[in-house]
Protein backbone atom coordinates (compact mmCIF):
# COMPACT_ATOMS: atom_id res chain seq x y z
CA UNK A 1 0.00 0.00 0.00
CA UNK A 2 1.24 3.46 -0.91
CA UNK A 3 -0.27 6.63 0.53
CA UNK A 4 0.15 10.18 -0.73
CA UNK A 5 -1.38 13.49 0.28
CA UNK A 6 -1.98 16.76 -1.52
CA UNK A 7 -1.28 19.47 1.04
CA UNK A 8 -2.62 22.12 -1.34
CA UNK A 9 -6.06 20.46 -1.28
CA UNK A 10 -6.09 19.88 2.49
CA UNK A 11 -8.75 21.85 4.38
CA UNK A 12 -7.36 20.91 7.83
CA UNK A 13 -10.46 19.02 8.99
CA UNK A 14 -8.28 16.53 10.89
CA UNK A 15 -10.30 13.39 10.13
CA UNK A 16 -7.19 11.66 8.78
CA UNK A 17 -5.18 12.18 11.97
CA UNK A 18 -8.08 10.88 14.06
CA UNK A 19 -8.71 7.83 11.85
CA UNK A 20 -5.06 6.80 11.34
CA UNK A 21 -2.73 8.63 13.74
CA UNK A 22 0.13 6.27 12.88
CA UNK A 23 0.03 7.50 9.28
CA UNK A 24 -1.24 11.10 9.41
CA UNK A 25 -0.67 14.14 11.58
CA UNK A 26 -1.38 17.85 11.26
CA UNK A 27 0.93 20.86 11.23
CA UNK A 28 0.50 22.89 14.38
CA UNK A 29 0.51 26.27 12.64
CA UNK A 30 -2.36 25.62 10.21
CA UNK A 31 -3.65 22.06 10.63
CA UNK A 32 -2.54 20.91 7.18
CA UNK A 33 -2.04 17.17 6.83
CA UNK A 34 1.42 15.70 7.39
CA UNK A 35 2.13 12.22 6.01
CA UNK A 36 4.07 10.23 8.61
CA UNK A 37 4.32 6.93 6.71
CA UNK A 38 3.93 6.70 2.93
CA UNK A 39 4.09 2.88 3.06
CA UNK A 40 2.20 1.85 6.19
CA UNK A 41 1.87 -1.81 7.15
CA UNK A 42 -1.09 -3.72 5.75
CA UNK A 43 -2.72 -4.03 9.15
CA UNK A 44 -3.44 -0.28 8.93
CA UNK A 45 -5.25 -0.63 5.60
CA UNK A 46 -8.73 -0.20 7.08
CA UNK A 47 -7.86 2.91 9.09
CA UNK A 48 -6.05 4.48 6.11
CA UNK A 49 -9.02 3.73 3.85
CA UNK A 50 -11.33 5.31 6.42
CA UNK A 51 -9.12 8.41 6.59
CA UNK A 52 -9.20 8.72 2.83
CA UNK A 53 -12.99 8.26 2.72
CA UNK A 54 -13.58 10.83 5.47
CA UNK A 55 -11.35 13.51 3.95
CA UNK A 56 -13.72 16.29 2.81
CA UNK A 57 -11.10 17.71 0.44
CA UNK A 58 -10.14 14.37 -1.17
CA UNK A 59 -6.51 15.17 -0.35
CA UNK A 60 -5.50 11.54 0.35
CA UNK A 61 -4.68 8.96 -2.32
CA UNK A 62 -4.19 5.27 -1.54
CA UNK A 63 -2.73 2.76 -3.99
CA UNK A 64 -2.42 -0.99 -3.46
PDB file of N, CA and C in Angstrom:
ATOM      1  N   UNK A   1       0.847  -1.176   0.000  1.00  0.00           N
ATOM      2  CA  UNK A   1       0.000   0.000   0.000  1.00  0.00           C
ATOM      3  C   UNK A   1       0.888   1.234   0.000  1.00  0.00           C
ATOM      4  N   UNK A   2       0.519   2.195  -0.842  1.00  0.00           N
ATOM      5  CA  UNK A   2       1.245   3.460  -0.909  1.00  0.00           C
ATOM      6  C   UNK A   2       0.247   4.594  -0.691  1.00  0.00           C
ATOM      7  N   UNK A   3       0.602   5.509   0.187  1.00  0.00           N
ATOM      8  CA  UNK A   3      -0.267   6.628   0.529  1.00  0.00           C
ATOM      9  C   UNK A   3       0.418   7.926   0.121  1.00  0.00           C
ATOM     10  N   UNK A   4      -0.370   8.843  -0.426  1.00  0.00           N
ATOM     11  CA  UNK A   4       0.147  10.180  -0.726  1.00  0.00           C
ATOM     12  C   UNK A   4      -0.908  11.199  -0.331  1.00  0.00           C
ATOM     13  N   UNK A   5      -0.462  12.416  -0.088  1.00  0.00           N
ATOM     14  CA  UNK A   5      -1.376  13.495   0.276  1.00  0.00           C
ATOM     15  C   UNK A   5      -1.089  14.712  -0.591  1.00  0.00           C
ATOM     16  N   UNK A   6      -2.114  15.494  -0.806  1.00  0.00           N
ATOM     17  CA  UNK A   6      -1.976  16.758  -1.524  1.00  0.00           C
ATOM     18  C   UNK A   6      -2.231  17.868  -0.509  1.00  0.00           C
ATOM     19  N   UNK A   7      -1.157  18.438   0.009  1.00  0.00           N
ATOM     20  CA  UNK A   7      -1.280  19.466   1.039  1.00  0.00           C
ATOM     21  C   UNK A   7      -1.991  20.715   0.526  1.00  0.00           C
ATOM     22  N   UNK A   8      -1.935  20.951  -0.769  1.00  0.00           N
ATOM     23  CA  UNK A   8      -2.622  22.116  -1.335  1.00  0.00           C
ATOM     24  C   UNK A   8      -4.142  21.953  -1.296  1.00  0.00           C
ATOM     25  N   UNK A   9      -4.626  20.722  -1.354  1.00  0.00           N
ATOM     26  CA  UNK A   9      -6.063  20.457  -1.277  1.00  0.00           C
ATOM     27  C   UNK A   9      -6.566  20.421   0.163  1.00  0.00           C
ATOM     28  N   UNK A  10      -5.702  20.105   1.097  1.00  0.00           N
ATOM     29  CA  UNK A  10      -6.093  19.878   2.487  1.00  0.00           C
ATOM     30  C   UNK A  10      -6.835  21.078   3.067  1.00  0.00           C
ATOM     31  N   UNK A  11      -7.965  20.793   3.734  1.00  0.00           N
ATOM     32  CA  UNK A  11      -8.751  21.848   4.380  1.00  0.00           C
ATOM     33  C   UNK A  11      -8.626  21.800   5.901  1.00  0.00           C
ATOM     34  N   UNK A  12      -7.707  20.977   6.402  1.00  0.00           N
ATOM     35  CA  UNK A  12      -7.364  20.906   7.826  1.00  0.00           C
ATOM     36  C   UNK A  12      -8.515  20.435   8.707  1.00  0.00           C
ATOM     37  N   UNK A  13      -9.346  19.546   8.199  1.00  0.00           N
ATOM     38  CA  UNK A  13     -10.458  19.018   8.992  1.00  0.00           C
ATOM     39  C   UNK A  13      -9.973  18.085  10.106  1.00  0.00           C
ATOM     40  N   UNK A  14      -8.868  17.379   9.867  1.00  0.00           N
ATOM     41  CA  UNK A  14      -8.278  16.528  10.895  1.00  0.00           C
ATOM     42  C   UNK A  14      -8.817  15.117  10.975  1.00  0.00           C
ATOM     43  N   UNK A  15      -9.745  14.738  10.093  1.00  0.00           N
ATOM     44  CA  UNK A  15     -10.302  13.389  10.129  1.00  0.00           C
ATOM     45  C   UNK A  15      -9.227  12.324   9.910  1.00  0.00           C
ATOM     46  N   UNK A  16      -8.250  12.626   9.080  1.00  0.00           N
ATOM     47  CA  UNK A  16      -7.192  11.655   8.784  1.00  0.00           C
ATOM     48  C   UNK A  16      -6.376  11.338  10.034  1.00  0.00           C
ATOM     49  N   UNK A  17      -5.998  12.375  10.769  1.00  0.00           N
ATOM     50  CA  UNK A  17      -5.182  12.178  11.968  1.00  0.00           C
ATOM     51  C   UNK A  17      -5.956  11.429  13.051  1.00  0.00           C
ATOM     52  N   UNK A  18      -7.253  11.601  13.091  1.00  0.00           N
ATOM     53  CA  UNK A  18      -8.078  10.876  14.056  1.00  0.00           C
ATOM     54  C   UNK A  18      -8.270   9.422  13.638  1.00  0.00           C
ATOM     55  N   UNK A  19      -8.451   9.178  12.349  1.00  0.00           N
ATOM     56  CA  UNK A  19      -8.706   7.825  11.853  1.00  0.00           C
ATOM     57  C   UNK A  19      -7.450   6.957  11.815  1.00  0.00           C
ATOM     58  N   UNK A  20      -6.318   7.561  11.485  1.00  0.00           N
ATOM     59  CA  UNK A  20      -5.063   6.799  11.343  1.00  0.00           C
ATOM     60  C   UNK A  20      -3.882   7.621  11.865  1.00  0.00           C
ATOM     61  N   UNK A  21      -3.787   7.788  13.172  1.00  0.00           N
ATOM     62  CA  UNK A  21      -2.726   8.632  13.744  1.00  0.00           C
ATOM     63  C   UNK A  21      -1.307   8.104  13.527  1.00  0.00           C
ATOM     64  N   UNK A  22      -1.193   6.828  13.172  1.00  0.00           N
ATOM     65  CA  UNK A  22       0.130   6.274  12.880  1.00  0.00           C
ATOM     66  C   UNK A  22       0.628   6.721  11.511  1.00  0.00           C
ATOM     67  N   UNK A  23      -0.294   7.174  10.668  1.00  0.00           N
ATOM     68  CA  UNK A  23       0.032   7.503   9.283  1.00  0.00           C
ATOM     69  C   UNK A  23      -0.065   9.001   9.007  1.00  0.00           C
ATOM     70  N   UNK A  24      -1.002   9.677   9.671  1.00  0.00           N
ATOM     71  CA  UNK A  24      -1.235  11.098   9.414  1.00  0.00           C
ATOM     72  C   UNK A  24      -1.133  11.934  10.685  1.00  0.00           C
ATOM     73  N   UNK A  25      -0.686  13.149  10.516  1.00  0.00           N
ATOM     74  CA  UNK A  25      -0.668  14.138  11.585  1.00  0.00           C
ATOM     75  C   UNK A  25      -1.066  15.463  10.956  1.00  0.00           C
ATOM     76  N   UNK A  26      -1.059  16.520  11.760  1.00  0.00           N
ATOM     77  CA  UNK A  26      -1.377  17.853  11.260  1.00  0.00           C
ATOM     78  C   UNK A  26      -0.307  18.829  11.717  1.00  0.00           C
ATOM     79  N   UNK A  27      -0.004  19.798  10.849  1.00  0.00           N
ATOM     80  CA  UNK A  27       0.925  20.861  11.229  1.00  0.00           C
ATOM     81  C   UNK A  27       0.272  21.714  12.302  1.00  0.00           C
ATOM     82  N   UNK A  28       1.045  22.089  13.294  1.00  0.00           N
ATOM     83  CA  UNK A  28       0.495  22.890  14.380  1.00  0.00           C
ATOM     84  C   UNK A  28       0.057  24.271  13.930  1.00  0.00           C
ATOM     85  N   UNK A  29       0.803  24.877  13.011  1.00  0.00           N
ATOM     86  CA  UNK A  29       0.509  26.267  12.641  1.00  0.00           C
ATOM     87  C   UNK A  29      -0.778  26.441  11.837  1.00  0.00           C
ATOM     88  N   UNK A  30      -1.158  25.436  11.030  1.00  0.00           N
ATOM     89  CA  UNK A  30      -2.356  25.623  10.209  1.00  0.00           C
ATOM     90  C   UNK A  30      -3.229  24.374  10.067  1.00  0.00           C
ATOM     91  N   UNK A  31      -2.847  23.273  10.664  1.00  0.00           N
ATOM     92  CA  UNK A  31      -3.649  22.056  10.629  1.00  0.00           C
ATOM     93  C   UNK A  31      -3.548  21.237   9.364  1.00  0.00           C
ATOM     94  N   UNK A  32      -2.700  21.648   8.432  1.00  0.00           N
ATOM     95  CA  UNK A  32      -2.539  20.913   7.177  1.00  0.00           C
ATOM     96  C   UNK A  32      -1.989  19.509   7.450  1.00  0.00           C
ATOM     97  N   UNK A  33      -2.453  18.556   6.673  1.00  0.00           N
ATOM     98  CA  UNK A  33      -2.044  17.168   6.829  1.00  0.00           C
ATOM     99  C   UNK A  33      -0.523  17.009   6.669  1.00  0.00           C
ATOM    100  N   UNK A  34       0.020  16.111   7.477  1.00  0.00           N
ATOM    101  CA  UNK A  34       1.418  15.696   7.387  1.00  0.00           C
ATOM    102  C   UNK A  34       1.413  14.178   7.265  1.00  0.00           C
ATOM    103  N   UNK A  35       2.045  13.667   6.224  1.00  0.00           N
ATOM    104  CA  UNK A  35       2.126  12.220   6.014  1.00  0.00           C
ATOM    105  C   UNK A  35       3.305  11.675   6.806  1.00  0.00           C
ATOM    106  N   UNK A  36       3.022  10.806   7.763  1.00  0.00           N
ATOM    107  CA  UNK A  36       4.067  10.230   8.613  1.00  0.00           C
ATOM    108  C   UNK A  36       4.654   8.954   8.029  1.00  0.00           C
ATOM    109  N   UNK A  37       3.863   8.217   7.252  1.00  0.00           N
ATOM    110  CA  UNK A  37       4.317   6.931   6.713  1.00  0.00           C
ATOM    111  C   UNK A  37       3.669   6.706   5.350  1.00  0.00           C
ATOM    112  N   UNK A  38       4.449   6.856   4.291  1.00  0.00           N
ATOM    113  CA  UNK A  38       3.926   6.695   2.934  1.00  0.00           C
ATOM    114  C   UNK A  38       3.684   5.230   2.568  1.00  0.00           C
ATOM    115  N   UNK A  39       4.280   4.320   3.312  1.00  0.00           N
ATOM    116  CA  UNK A  39       4.087   2.878   3.064  1.00  0.00           C
ATOM    117  C   UNK A  39       3.761   2.186   4.391  1.00  0.00           C
ATOM    118  N   UNK A  40       2.569   2.453   4.908  1.00  0.00           N
ATOM    119  CA  UNK A  40       2.203   1.850   6.192  1.00  0.00           C
ATOM    120  C   UNK A  40       1.987   0.351   6.071  1.00  0.00           C
ATOM    121  N   UNK A  41       2.092  -0.363   7.183  1.00  0.00           N
ATOM    122  CA  UNK A  41       1.870  -1.809   7.151  1.00  0.00           C
ATOM    123  C   UNK A  41       0.417  -2.141   6.785  1.00  0.00           C
ATOM    124  N   UNK A  42       0.233  -3.313   6.229  1.00  0.00           N
ATOM    125  CA  UNK A  42      -1.086  -3.724   5.748  1.00  0.00           C
ATOM    126  C   UNK A  42      -2.138  -3.777   6.845  1.00  0.00           C
ATOM    127  N   UNK A  43      -1.730  -3.982   8.079  1.00  0.00           N
ATOM    128  CA  UNK A  43      -2.721  -4.031   9.154  1.00  0.00           C
ATOM    129  C   UNK A  43      -3.384  -2.673   9.403  1.00  0.00           C
ATOM    130  N   UNK A  44      -2.831  -1.599   8.823  1.00  0.00           N
ATOM    131  CA  UNK A  44      -3.443  -0.275   8.933  1.00  0.00           C
ATOM    132  C   UNK A  44      -4.322   0.068   7.726  1.00  0.00           C
ATOM    133  N   UNK A  45      -4.495  -0.872   6.828  1.00  0.00           N
ATOM    134  CA  UNK A  45      -5.251  -0.634   5.602  1.00  0.00           C
ATOM    135  C   UNK A  45      -6.645  -0.067   5.875  1.00  0.00           C
ATOM    136  N   UNK A  46      -7.365  -0.653   6.812  1.00  0.00           N
ATOM    137  CA  UNK A  46      -8.734  -0.200   7.083  1.00  0.00           C
ATOM    138  C   UNK A  46      -8.765   1.225   7.616  1.00  0.00           C
ATOM    139  N   UNK A  47      -7.859   1.553   8.527  1.00  0.00           N
ATOM    140  CA  UNK A  47      -7.857   2.907   9.088  1.00  0.00           C
ATOM    141  C   UNK A  47      -7.406   3.942   8.055  1.00  0.00           C
ATOM    142  N   UNK A  48      -6.478   3.570   7.173  1.00  0.00           N
ATOM    143  CA  UNK A  48      -6.046   4.480   6.107  1.00  0.00           C
ATOM    144  C   UNK A  48      -7.180   4.684   5.100  1.00  0.00           C
ATOM    145  N   UNK A  49      -7.884   3.617   4.764  1.00  0.00           N
ATOM    146  CA  UNK A  49      -9.023   3.731   3.846  1.00  0.00           C
ATOM    147  C   UNK A  49     -10.110   4.612   4.456  1.00  0.00           C
ATOM    148  N   UNK A  50     -10.345   4.474   5.747  1.00  0.00           N
ATOM    149  CA  UNK A  50     -11.330   5.314   6.422  1.00  0.00           C
ATOM    150  C   UNK A  50     -10.900   6.780   6.384  1.00  0.00           C
ATOM    151  N   UNK A  51      -9.627   7.041   6.636  1.00  0.00           N
ATOM    152  CA  UNK A  51      -9.116   8.411   6.594  1.00  0.00           C
ATOM    153  C   UNK A  51      -9.315   9.016   5.220  1.00  0.00           C
ATOM    154  N   UNK A  52      -9.024   8.252   4.195  1.00  0.00           N
ATOM    155  CA  UNK A  52      -9.200   8.724   2.827  1.00  0.00           C
ATOM    156  C   UNK A  52     -10.675   9.008   2.529  1.00  0.00           C
ATOM    157  N   UNK A  53     -11.553   8.112   2.943  1.00  0.00           N
ATOM    158  CA  UNK A  53     -12.990   8.262   2.721  1.00  0.00           C
ATOM    159  C   UNK A  53     -13.547   9.491   3.446  1.00  0.00           C
ATOM    160  N   UNK A  54     -13.066   9.731   4.656  1.00  0.00           N
ATOM    161  CA  UNK A  54     -13.580  10.831   5.473  1.00  0.00           C
ATOM    162  C   UNK A  54     -13.039  12.200   5.072  1.00  0.00           C
ATOM    163  N   UNK A  55     -11.969  12.237   4.306  1.00  0.00           N
ATOM    164  CA  UNK A  55     -11.347  13.515   3.945  1.00  0.00           C
ATOM    165  C   UNK A  55     -12.290  14.348   3.077  1.00  0.00           C
ATOM    166  N   UNK A  56     -12.774  15.488   3.589  1.00  0.00           N
ATOM    167  CA  UNK A  56     -13.721  16.286   2.811  1.00  0.00           C
ATOM    168  C   UNK A  56     -13.101  16.961   1.591  1.00  0.00           C
ATOM    169  N   UNK A  57     -11.775  17.064   1.562  1.00  0.00           N
ATOM    170  CA  UNK A  57     -11.097  17.713   0.439  1.00  0.00           C
ATOM    171  C   UNK A  57     -10.527  16.724  -0.564  1.00  0.00           C
ATOM    172  N   UNK A  58     -10.698  15.425  -0.317  1.00  0.00           N
ATOM    173  CA  UNK A  58     -10.137  14.372  -1.174  1.00  0.00           C
ATOM    174  C   UNK A  58      -8.641  14.575  -1.388  1.00  0.00           C
ATOM    175  N   UNK A  59      -7.944  14.868  -0.299  1.00  0.00           N
ATOM    176  CA  UNK A  59      -6.514  15.167  -0.352  1.00  0.00           C
ATOM    177  C   UNK A  59      -5.638  13.926  -0.145  1.00  0.00           C
ATOM    178  N   UNK A  60      -6.248  12.771   0.060  1.00  0.00           N
ATOM    179  CA  UNK A  60      -5.501  11.538   0.348  1.00  0.00           C
ATOM    180  C   UNK A  60      -5.712  10.542  -0.783  1.00  0.00           C
ATOM    181  N   UNK A  61      -4.612  10.005  -1.285  1.00  0.00           N
ATOM    182  CA  UNK A  61      -4.676   8.960  -2.319  1.00  0.00           C
ATOM    183  C   UNK A  61      -4.038   7.697  -1.778  1.00  0.00           C
ATOM    184  N   UNK A  62      -4.688   6.561  -2.009  1.00  0.00           N
ATOM    185  CA  UNK A  62      -4.191   5.267  -1.541  1.00  0.00           C
ATOM    186  C   UNK A  62      -4.113   4.330  -2.737  1.00  0.00           C
ATOM    187  N   UNK A  63      -2.939   3.742  -2.926  1.00  0.00           N
ATOM    188  CA  UNK A  63      -2.727   2.757  -3.994  1.00  0.00           C
ATOM    189  C   UNK A  63      -2.337   1.435  -3.358  1.00  0.00           C
ATOM    190  N   UNK A  64      -2.809   0.340  -3.969  1.00  0.00           N
ATOM    191  CA  UNK A  64      -2.423  -0.995  -3.463  1.00  0.00           C
ATOM    192  C   UNK A  64      -1.081  -1.405  -3.954  1.00  0.00           C
TER     193      UNK A  64
END
